[in-house]
Amino acid sequence: MAPANFNAPGQIVVSGSKAACDRVLGEAERLGVKATALKVAGAFHSPLMQPAADRMRVELDRVEFRPLANSVYSNVTADLHQETASIKDLLIRQIVAPVQWERTMKALVGEDGTGAGARFVELAPGRTLAGLAKRINRRLPIESFATADALKPV
């Protein structure tokens, strides 16, 4: 059992074997804590994914990474990365490391919490990330679009 996502204040996702997750659900119920089993295909962002990370390393070792055109915020470190050399390792680590969504969003919006004029767009069915972002900072300018076609008029 390991933390898999630090999503927002009051929302942490754990990952592990089915038996371990069932134990956590039972303990949460006993304590009166809200807990929900997510329908996922694996123990993502946990040490149980190490075999997948090892395979990813083999594949990424074949890829030539070009210099970054833009800086990248990593959901592993919640830090800004500007060097190509770190990206390969971060892509591998994100398979087994917890997602630092709350810290990453706070880093993106900066000290004043407004995003410094940035526009955040979620392109996915539903509004999961937009909802999490609003839990982190209600002033954050964020929009959600269910399809690429819905984004075209914008």
Protein backbone atom coordinates (compact mmCIF):
# COMPACT_ATOMS: atom_id res chain seq x y z
CA MET A 1 0.00 0.00 0.00
CA ALA A 2 1.35 3.41 -0.98
CA PRO A 3 0.05 6.90 -1.66
CA ALA A 4 -0.61 7.22 -5.39
CA ASN A 5 -2.05 10.73 -5.79
CA PHE A 6 -1.96 13.79 -3.58
CA ASN A 7 -4.84 15.39 -5.45
CA ALA A 8 -6.23 18.22 -3.34
CA PRO A 9 -6.88 19.17 0.25
CA GLY A 10 -8.73 16.23 1.77
CA GLN A 11 -8.19 13.91 -1.19
CA ILE A 12 -5.38 11.37 -1.27
CA VAL A 13 -5.51 8.25 -3.44
CA VAL A 14 -3.74 5.07 -2.32
CA SER A 15 -2.60 2.22 -4.50
CA GLY A 16 -1.73 -1.37 -3.80
CA SER A 17 -2.92 -4.93 -4.06
CA LYS A 18 -6.67 -5.57 -4.09
CA ALA A 19 -6.42 -7.09 -0.60
CA ALA A 20 -4.54 -4.08 0.77
CA CYS A 21 -7.02 -1.65 -0.78
CA ASP A 22 -9.92 -3.64 0.69
CA ARG A 23 -8.29 -3.40 4.14
CA VAL A 24 -7.96 0.39 3.76
CA LEU A 25 -11.63 0.67 2.73
CA GLY A 26 -12.67 -1.38 5.76
CA GLU A 27 -10.56 0.69 8.13
CA ALA A 28 -11.89 3.94 6.63
CA GLU A 29 -15.46 2.73 7.14
CA ARG A 30 -14.67 1.74 10.72
CA LEU A 31 -13.27 5.24 11.38
CA GLY A 32 -16.11 7.01 9.59
CA VAL A 33 -13.80 8.39 6.91
CA LYS A 34 -15.07 8.74 3.36
CA ALA A 35 -13.29 6.33 1.03
CA THR A 36 -14.16 5.14 -2.46
CA ALA A 37 -12.73 2.26 -4.48
CA LEU A 38 -11.71 3.54 -7.90
CA LYS A 39 -12.22 1.34 -10.94
CA VAL A 40 -8.70 1.14 -12.33
CA ALA A 41 -6.78 -1.59 -14.12
CA GLY A 42 -3.70 -1.59 -11.93
CA ALA A 43 -1.81 -0.29 -8.90
CA PHE A 44 -0.69 2.82 -10.76
CA HIS A 45 1.85 5.23 -9.25
CA SER A 46 3.03 2.64 -6.74
CA PRO A 47 6.06 0.36 -6.32
CA LEU A 48 3.94 -2.51 -7.69
CA MET A 49 4.40 -0.88 -11.11
CA GLN A 50 8.20 -1.31 -11.05
CA PRO A 51 8.18 -3.98 -13.82
CA ALA A 52 6.38 -1.49 -16.09
CA ALA A 53 8.87 1.23 -15.16
CA ASP A 54 11.75 -1.11 -16.02
CA ARG A 55 10.22 -1.82 -19.44
CA MET A 56 9.63 1.91 -19.98
CA ARG A 57 13.31 2.59 -19.25
CA VAL A 58 14.36 0.07 -21.93
CA GLU A 59 12.06 1.72 -24.47
CA LEU A 60 13.03 5.29 -23.57
CA ASP A 61 16.73 4.40 -23.79
CA ARG A 62 16.11 3.93 -27.52
CA VAL A 63 14.62 7.42 -27.89
CA GLU A 64 16.67 10.51 -28.64
CA PHE A 65 15.26 13.41 -26.67
CA ARG A 66 15.61 16.80 -28.31
CA PRO A 67 16.17 19.98 -26.31
CA LEU A 68 12.98 21.18 -24.67
CA ALA A 69 11.09 23.92 -26.47
CA ASN A 70 9.24 24.73 -23.23
CA SER A 71 9.75 24.11 -19.55
CA VAL A 72 7.90 21.17 -18.01
CA TYR A 73 6.32 20.81 -14.59
CA SER A 74 6.73 17.25 -13.37
CA ASN A 75 3.92 15.61 -11.41
CA VAL A 76 6.63 13.58 -9.63
CA THR A 77 8.51 16.54 -8.14
CA ALA A 78 6.04 19.43 -8.57
CA ASP A 79 9.05 21.37 -9.85
CA LEU A 80 9.81 23.14 -13.10
CA HIS A 81 12.28 21.26 -15.30
CA GLN A 82 14.15 22.96 -18.11
CA GLU A 83 16.71 20.31 -19.00
CA THR A 84 16.02 17.47 -21.42
CA ALA A 85 18.25 15.14 -19.40
CA SER A 86 15.81 15.03 -16.47
CA ILE A 87 12.69 14.30 -18.55
CA LYS A 88 13.48 10.65 -19.33
CA ASP A 89 14.02 9.81 -15.67
CA LEU A 90 10.87 11.69 -14.63
CA LEU A 91 8.76 9.82 -17.20
CA ILE A 92 9.96 6.55 -15.72
CA ARG A 93 9.59 7.65 -12.10
CA GLN A 94 6.00 8.82 -12.59
CA ILE A 95 4.97 5.19 -13.13
CA VAL A 96 5.97 4.24 -9.56
CA ALA A 97 5.87 7.58 -7.71
CA PRO A 98 2.81 9.34 -6.33
CA VAL A 99 1.33 12.15 -8.39
CA GLN A 100 1.96 15.48 -6.67
CA TRP A 101 -1.07 17.17 -8.24
CA GLU A 102 -1.81 19.63 -5.42
CA ARG A 103 1.83 20.76 -5.12
CA THR A 104 2.16 20.98 -8.92
CA MET A 105 -0.94 23.15 -9.25
CA LYS A 106 0.27 25.41 -6.43
CA ALA A 107 3.63 25.76 -8.20
CA LEU A 108 1.87 26.60 -11.46
CA VAL A 109 -0.32 29.32 -9.97
CA GLY A 110 2.57 30.99 -8.18
CA GLU A 111 2.80 32.97 -4.97
CA ASP A 112 -0.22 35.18 -5.66
CA GLY A 113 -2.42 32.18 -6.45
CA THR A 114 -3.83 33.64 -9.66
CA GLY A 115 -1.76 31.78 -12.23
CA ALA A 116 -0.18 35.08 -13.35
CA GLY A 117 -2.63 35.42 -16.22
CA ALA A 118 -2.30 31.77 -17.26
CA ARG A 119 -5.24 29.88 -18.67
CA PHE A 120 -5.74 26.29 -17.54
CA VAL A 121 -7.64 23.99 -19.89
CA GLU A 122 -8.76 20.42 -19.20
CA LEU A 123 -9.42 18.39 -22.32
CA ALA A 124 -11.10 15.22 -21.11
CA PRO A 125 -14.52 13.75 -20.55
CA GLY A 126 -15.80 15.02 -17.23
CA ARG A 127 -14.36 17.74 -15.04
CA THR A 128 -12.18 15.76 -12.65
CA LEU A 129 -9.03 17.86 -12.92
CA ALA A 130 -10.94 21.14 -13.03
CA GLY A 131 -12.76 20.12 -9.86
CA LEU A 132 -9.50 19.24 -8.12
CA ALA A 133 -7.95 22.52 -9.25
CA LYS A 134 -10.87 24.47 -7.80
CA ARG A 135 -10.47 22.63 -4.47
CA ILE A 136 -6.84 23.75 -4.45
CA ASN A 137 -7.59 27.36 -5.45
CA ARG A 138 -11.08 28.69 -6.19
CA ARG A 139 -9.68 31.72 -8.06
CA LEU A 140 -7.86 29.59 -10.61
CA PRO A 141 -9.04 30.27 -14.17
CA ILE A 142 -9.81 26.81 -15.53
CA GLU A 143 -12.05 25.54 -18.31
CA SER A 144 -13.04 22.00 -19.26
CA PHE A 145 -13.80 20.63 -22.71
CA ALA A 146 -15.05 17.10 -23.31
CA THR A 147 -13.67 16.81 -26.87
CA ALA A 148 -11.13 18.45 -29.14
CA ASP A 149 -14.04 19.65 -31.30
CA ALA A 150 -15.51 21.51 -28.32
CA LEU A 151 -12.19 23.33 -27.96
CA LYS A 152 -12.09 24.58 -31.58
CA PRO A 153 -14.29 27.69 -31.08
CA VAL A 154 -12.05 28.80 -28.22
